[in-house]
Amino acid sequence: MVDRDRNDDETARIDAERRRRRAQFLRELNEAKELRDRVQPRRARSARMRQAMRMRTFRW
């Protein structure tokens, strides 16, 4: 019983650490995308246009 509680605590700690690292990664990824959009506005505009076209042609 004590081992299972310790294992649950360890699993919860590992999960929390994984979620924290994932959140940090996603923040940095978003920051990198914003920076790329700022330094390459033409490419960013064409990417937005392609995404808009994809959304218009998507079938529900």
PDB file of N, CA and C in Angstrom:
ATOM      1  N   MET A   1       0.830  -1.194   0.000  1.00  0.00           N
ATOM      2  CA  MET A   1       0.000   0.000   0.000  1.00  0.00           C
ATOM      3  C   MET A   1       0.874   1.257   0.000  1.00  0.00           C
ATOM      4  N   VAL A   2       1.901   1.288   0.843  1.00  0.00           N
ATOM      5  CA  VAL A   2       2.785   2.439   0.913  1.00  0.00           C
ATOM      6  C   VAL A   2       3.541   2.599  -0.406  1.00  0.00           C
ATOM      7  N   ASP A   3       3.958   1.480  -1.021  1.00  0.00           N
ATOM      8  CA  ASP A   3       4.674   1.543  -2.288  1.00  0.00           C
ATOM      9  C   ASP A   3       3.797   2.135  -3.384  1.00  0.00           C
ATOM     10  N   ARG A   4       2.528   1.754  -3.398  1.00  0.00           N
ATOM     11  CA  ARG A   4       1.625   2.271  -4.430  1.00  0.00           C
ATOM     12  C   ARG A   4       1.431   3.775  -4.247  1.00  0.00           C
ATOM     13  N   ASP A   5       1.286   4.232  -2.989  1.00  0.00           N
ATOM     14  CA  ASP A   5       1.144   5.668  -2.738  1.00  0.00           C
ATOM     15  C   ASP A   5       2.391   6.411  -3.194  1.00  0.00           C
ATOM     16  N   ARG A   6       3.542   5.852  -2.914  1.00  0.00           N
ATOM     17  CA  ARG A   6       4.796   6.481  -3.316  1.00  0.00           C
ATOM     18  C   ARG A   6       4.877   6.508  -4.843  1.00  0.00           C
ATOM     19  N   ASN A   7       4.463   5.417  -5.472  1.00  0.00           N
ATOM     20  CA  ASN A   7       4.476   5.357  -6.931  1.00  0.00           C
ATOM     21  C   ASN A   7       3.520   6.378  -7.525  1.00  0.00           C
ATOM     22  N   ASP A   8       2.330   6.531  -6.931  1.00  0.00           N
ATOM     23  CA  ASP A   8       1.366   7.529  -7.408  1.00  0.00           C
ATOM     24  C   ASP A   8       1.939   8.940  -7.276  1.00  0.00           C
ATOM     25  N   ASP A   9       2.611   9.210  -6.146  1.00  0.00           N
ATOM     26  CA  ASP A   9       3.220  10.524  -5.957  1.00  0.00           C
ATOM     27  C   ASP A   9       4.301  10.765  -7.003  1.00  0.00           C
ATOM     28  N   GLU A  10       5.095   9.759  -7.265  1.00  0.00           N
ATOM     29  CA  GLU A  10       6.163   9.867  -8.260  1.00  0.00           C
ATOM     30  C   GLU A  10       5.570  10.102  -9.652  1.00  0.00           C
ATOM     31  N   THR A  11       4.521   9.366  -9.981  1.00  0.00           N
ATOM     32  CA  THR A  11       3.860   9.527 -11.275  1.00  0.00           C
ATOM     33  C   THR A  11       3.275  10.928 -11.406  1.00  0.00           C
ATOM     34  N   ALA A  12       2.643  11.418 -10.352  1.00  0.00           N
ATOM     35  CA  ALA A  12       2.064  12.766 -10.383  1.00  0.00           C
ATOM     36  C   ALA A  12       3.165  13.810 -10.565  1.00  0.00           C
ATOM     37  N   ARG A  13       4.293  13.625  -9.904  1.00  0.00           N
ATOM     38  CA  ARG A  13       5.401  14.568 -10.022  1.00  0.00           C
ATOM     39  C   ARG A  13       5.969  14.552 -11.440  1.00  0.00           C
ATOM     40  N   ILE A  14       6.123  13.367 -11.991  1.00  0.00           N
ATOM     41  CA  ILE A  14       6.648  13.250 -13.350  1.00  0.00           C
ATOM     42  C   ILE A  14       5.686  13.867 -14.352  1.00  0.00           C
ATOM     43  N   ASP A  15       4.379  13.623 -14.174  1.00  0.00           N
ATOM     44  CA  ASP A  15       3.380  14.205 -15.075  1.00  0.00           C
ATOM     45  C   ASP A  15       3.392  15.728 -14.997  1.00  0.00           C
ATOM     46  N   ALA A  16       3.502  16.259 -13.789  1.00  0.00           N
ATOM     47  CA  ALA A  16       3.531  17.718 -13.625  1.00  0.00           C
ATOM     48  C   ALA A  16       4.770  18.300 -14.309  1.00  0.00           C
ATOM     49  N   GLU A  17       5.905  17.630 -14.163  1.00  0.00           N
ATOM     50  CA  GLU A  17       7.139  18.092 -14.804  1.00  0.00           C
ATOM     51  C   GLU A  17       7.007  18.038 -16.334  1.00  0.00           C
ATOM     52  N   ARG A  18       6.402  16.982 -16.839  1.00  0.00           N
ATOM     53  CA  ARG A  18       6.205  16.842 -18.286  1.00  0.00           C
ATOM     54  C   ARG A  18       5.285  17.947 -18.812  1.00  0.00           C
ATOM     55  N   ARG A  19       4.204  18.226 -18.081  1.00  0.00           N
ATOM     56  CA  ARG A  19       3.294  19.303 -18.497  1.00  0.00           C
ATOM     57  C   ARG A  19       3.985  20.658 -18.460  1.00  0.00           C
ATOM     58  N   ARG A  20       4.828  20.873 -17.453  1.00  0.00           N
ATOM     59  CA  ARG A  20       5.556  22.136 -17.355  1.00  0.00           C
ATOM     60  C   ARG A  20       6.518  22.296 -18.528  1.00  0.00           C
ATOM     61  N   ARG A  21       7.251  21.232 -18.870  1.00  0.00           N
ATOM     62  CA  ARG A  21       8.182  21.294 -20.000  1.00  0.00           C
ATOM     63  C   ARG A  21       7.437  21.496 -21.320  1.00  0.00           C
ATOM     64  N   ARG A  22       6.288  20.840 -21.457  1.00  0.00           N
ATOM     65  CA  ARG A  22       5.499  20.975 -22.690  1.00  0.00           C
ATOM     66  C   ARG A  22       4.972  22.401 -22.834  1.00  0.00           C
ATOM     67  N   ALA A  23       4.487  22.980 -21.745  1.00  0.00           N
ATOM     68  CA  ALA A  23       3.989  24.354 -21.781  1.00  0.00           C
ATOM     69  C   ALA A  23       5.117  25.316 -22.167  1.00  0.00           C
ATOM     70  N   GLN A  24       6.290  25.104 -21.600  1.00  0.00           N
ATOM     71  CA  GLN A  24       7.447  25.946 -21.933  1.00  0.00           C
ATOM     72  C   GLN A  24       7.797  25.807 -23.415  1.00  0.00           C
ATOM     73  N   PHE A  25       7.798  24.579 -23.921  1.00  0.00           N
ATOM     74  CA  PHE A  25       8.100  24.342 -25.333  1.00  0.00           C
ATOM     75  C   PHE A  25       7.092  25.056 -26.231  1.00  0.00           C
ATOM     76  N   LEU A  26       5.800  24.958 -25.895  1.00  0.00           N
ATOM     77  CA  LEU A  26       4.774  25.591 -26.720  1.00  0.00           C
ATOM     78  C   LEU A  26       4.884  27.117 -26.688  1.00  0.00           C
ATOM     79  N   ARG A  27       5.243  27.670 -25.524  1.00  0.00           N
ATOM     80  CA  ARG A  27       5.455  29.121 -25.449  1.00  0.00           C
ATOM     81  C   ARG A  27       6.609  29.543 -26.352  1.00  0.00           C
ATOM     82  N   GLU A  28       7.713  28.803 -26.299  1.00  0.00           N
ATOM     83  CA  GLU A  28       8.873  29.138 -27.126  1.00  0.00           C
ATOM     84  C   GLU A  28       8.567  28.953 -28.606  1.00  0.00           C
ATOM     85  N   LEU A  29       7.799  27.929 -28.943  1.00  0.00           N
ATOM     86  CA  LEU A  29       7.431  27.695 -30.336  1.00  0.00           C
ATOM     87  C   LEU A  29       6.584  28.855 -30.861  1.00  0.00           C
ATOM     88  N   ASN A  30       5.624  29.294 -30.058  1.00  0.00           N
ATOM     89  CA  ASN A  30       4.777  30.419 -30.460  1.00  0.00           C
ATOM     90  C   ASN A  30       5.607  31.687 -30.625  1.00  0.00           C
ATOM     91  N   GLU A  31       6.549  31.902 -29.718  1.00  0.00           N
ATOM     92  CA  GLU A  31       7.422  33.072 -29.802  1.00  0.00           C
ATOM     93  C   GLU A  31       8.260  33.021 -31.080  1.00  0.00           C
ATOM     94  N   ALA A  32       8.762  31.840 -31.417  1.00  0.00           N
ATOM     95  CA  ALA A  32       9.564  31.693 -32.629  1.00  0.00           C
ATOM     96  C   ALA A  32       8.727  31.961 -33.876  1.00  0.00           C
ATOM     97  N   LYS A  33       7.496  31.504 -33.879  1.00  0.00           N
ATOM     98  CA  LYS A  33       6.622  31.754 -35.036  1.00  0.00           C
ATOM     99  C   LYS A  33       6.343  33.244 -35.186  1.00  0.00           C
ATOM    100  N   GLU A  34       6.103  33.934 -34.073  1.00  0.00           N
ATOM    101  CA  GLU A  34       5.850  35.375 -34.138  1.00  0.00           C
ATOM    102  C   GLU A  34       7.079  36.119 -34.650  1.00  0.00           C
ATOM    103  N   LEU A  35       8.251  35.705 -34.189  1.00  0.00           N
ATOM    104  CA  LEU A  35       9.481  36.335 -34.647  1.00  0.00           C
ATOM    105  C   LEU A  35       9.667  36.112 -36.148  1.00  0.00           C
ATOM    106  N   ARG A  36       9.431  34.898 -36.608  1.00  0.00           N
ATOM    107  CA  ARG A  36       9.563  34.594 -38.031  1.00  0.00           C
ATOM    108  C   ARG A  36       8.587  35.446 -38.849  1.00  0.00           C
ATOM    109  N   ASP A  37       7.363  35.601 -38.341  1.00  0.00           N
ATOM    110  CA  ASP A  37       6.381  36.424 -39.052  1.00  0.00           C
ATOM    111  C   ASP A  37       6.824  37.884 -39.131  1.00  0.00           C
ATOM    112  N   ARG A  38       7.504  38.356 -38.085  1.00  0.00           N
ATOM    113  CA  ARG A  38       7.967  39.742 -38.090  1.00  0.00           C
ATOM    114  C   ARG A  38       9.107  39.951 -39.075  1.00  0.00           C
ATOM    115  N   VAL A  39      10.017  38.995 -39.156  1.00  0.00           N
ATOM    116  CA  VAL A  39      11.189  39.204 -40.006  1.00  0.00           C
ATOM    117  C   VAL A  39      10.948  38.769 -41.446  1.00  0.00           C
ATOM    118  N   GLN A  40       9.892  38.016 -41.714  1.00  0.00           N
ATOM    119  CA  GLN A  40       9.578  37.596 -43.077  1.00  0.00           C
ATOM    120  C   GLN A  40       8.094  37.852 -43.373  1.00  0.00           C
ATOM    121  N   PRO A  41       7.692  39.127 -43.456  1.00  0.00           N
ATOM    122  CA  PRO A  41       6.265  39.423 -43.587  1.00  0.00           C
ATOM    123  C   PRO A  41       5.628  38.857 -44.861  1.00  0.00           C
ATOM    124  N   ARG A  42       6.368  38.812 -45.949  1.00  0.00           N
ATOM    125  CA  ARG A  42       5.774  38.307 -47.192  1.00  0.00           C
ATOM    126  C   ARG A  42       5.468  36.817 -47.073  1.00  0.00           C
ATOM    127  N   ARG A  43       6.425  36.070 -46.526  1.00  0.00           N
ATOM    128  CA  ARG A  43       6.209  34.636 -46.339  1.00  0.00           C
ATOM    129  C   ARG A  43       5.074  34.390 -45.348  1.00  0.00           C
ATOM    130  N   ALA A  44       5.012  35.204 -44.311  1.00  0.00           N
ATOM    131  CA  ALA A  44       3.946  35.056 -43.315  1.00  0.00           C
ATOM    132  C   ALA A  44       2.587  35.332 -43.944  1.00  0.00           C
ATOM    133  N   ARG A  45       2.520  36.346 -44.810  1.00  0.00           N
ATOM    134  CA  ARG A  45       1.244  36.672 -45.462  1.00  0.00           C
ATOM    135  C   ARG A  45       0.814  35.524 -46.369  1.00  0.00           C
ATOM    136  N   SER A  46       1.741  34.976 -47.126  1.00  0.00           N
ATOM    137  CA  SER A  46       1.362  33.880 -48.024  1.00  0.00           C
ATOM    138  C   SER A  46       0.960  32.647 -47.216  1.00  0.00           C
ATOM    139  N   ALA A  47       1.596  32.425 -46.064  1.00  0.00           N
ATOM    140  CA  ALA A  47       1.203  31.301 -45.207  1.00  0.00           C
ATOM    141  C   ALA A  47      -0.214  31.503 -44.671  1.00  0.00           C
ATOM    142  N   ARG A  48      -0.546  32.751 -44.291  1.00  0.00           N
ATOM    143  CA  ARG A  48      -1.906  33.041 -43.832  1.00  0.00           C
ATOM    144  C   ARG A  48      -2.922  32.824 -44.950  1.00  0.00           C
ATOM    145  N   MET A  49      -2.551  33.226 -46.167  1.00  0.00           N
ATOM    146  CA  MET A  49      -3.456  33.043 -47.308  1.00  0.00           C
ATOM    147  C   MET A  49      -3.670  31.560 -47.594  1.00  0.00           C
ATOM    148  N   ARG A  50      -2.610  30.766 -47.536  1.00  0.00           N
ATOM    149  CA  ARG A  50      -2.755  29.321 -47.752  1.00  0.00           C
ATOM    150  C   ARG A  50      -3.646  28.701 -46.684  1.00  0.00           C
ATOM    151  N   GLN A  51      -3.451  29.119 -45.425  1.00  0.00           N
ATOM    152  CA  GLN A  51      -4.280  28.597 -44.335  1.00  0.00           C
ATOM    153  C   GLN A  51      -5.743  28.983 -44.546  1.00  0.00           C
ATOM    154  N   ALA A  52      -5.992  30.210 -44.968  1.00  0.00           N
ATOM    155  CA  ALA A  52      -7.360  30.657 -45.226  1.00  0.00           C
ATOM    156  C   ALA A  52      -7.986  29.837 -46.353  1.00  0.00           C
ATOM    157  N   MET A  53      -7.208  29.563 -47.390  1.00  0.00           N
ATOM    158  CA  MET A  53      -7.717  28.749 -48.496  1.00  0.00           C
ATOM    159  C   MET A  53      -8.047  27.340 -48.014  1.00  0.00           C
ATOM    160  N   ARG A  54      -7.180  26.782 -47.184  1.00  0.00           N
ATOM    161  CA  ARG A  54      -7.449  25.452 -46.621  1.00  0.00           C
ATOM    162  C   ARG A  54      -8.750  25.452 -45.832  1.00  0.00           C
ATOM    163  N   MET A  55      -8.960  26.489 -45.039  1.00  0.00           N
ATOM    164  CA  MET A  55     -10.164  26.549 -44.221  1.00  0.00           C
ATOM    165  C   MET A  55     -11.408  26.723 -45.092  1.00  0.00           C
ATOM    166  N   ARG A  56     -11.301  27.479 -46.191  1.00  0.00           N
ATOM    167  CA  ARG A  56     -12.455  27.664 -47.074  1.00  0.00           C
ATOM    168  C   ARG A  56     -12.833  26.380 -47.798  1.00  0.00           C
ATOM    169  N   THR A  57     -11.848  25.551 -48.113  1.00  0.00           N
ATOM    170  CA  THR A  57     -12.133  24.347 -48.899  1.00  0.00           C
ATOM    171  C   THR A  57     -12.357  23.125 -48.011  1.00  0.00           C
ATOM    172  N   PHE A  58     -12.250  23.295 -46.701  1.00  0.00           N
ATOM    173  CA  PHE A  58     -12.467  22.175 -45.778  1.00  0.00           C
ATOM    174  C   PHE A  58     -13.943  21.813 -45.732  1.00  0.00           C
ATOM    175  N   ARG A  59     -14.227  20.523 -45.791  1.00  0.00           N
ATOM    176  CA  ARG A  59     -15.625  20.070 -45.726  1.00  0.00           C
ATOM    177  C   ARG A  59     -15.923  19.502 -44.360  1.00  0.00           C
ATOM    178  N   TRP A  60     -17.001  19.946 -43.769  1.00  0.00           N
ATOM    179  CA  TRP A  60     -17.408  19.422 -42.459  1.00  0.00           C
ATOM    180  C   TRP A  60     -18.072  18.142 -42.707  1.00  0.00           C
TER     181      TRP A  60
END
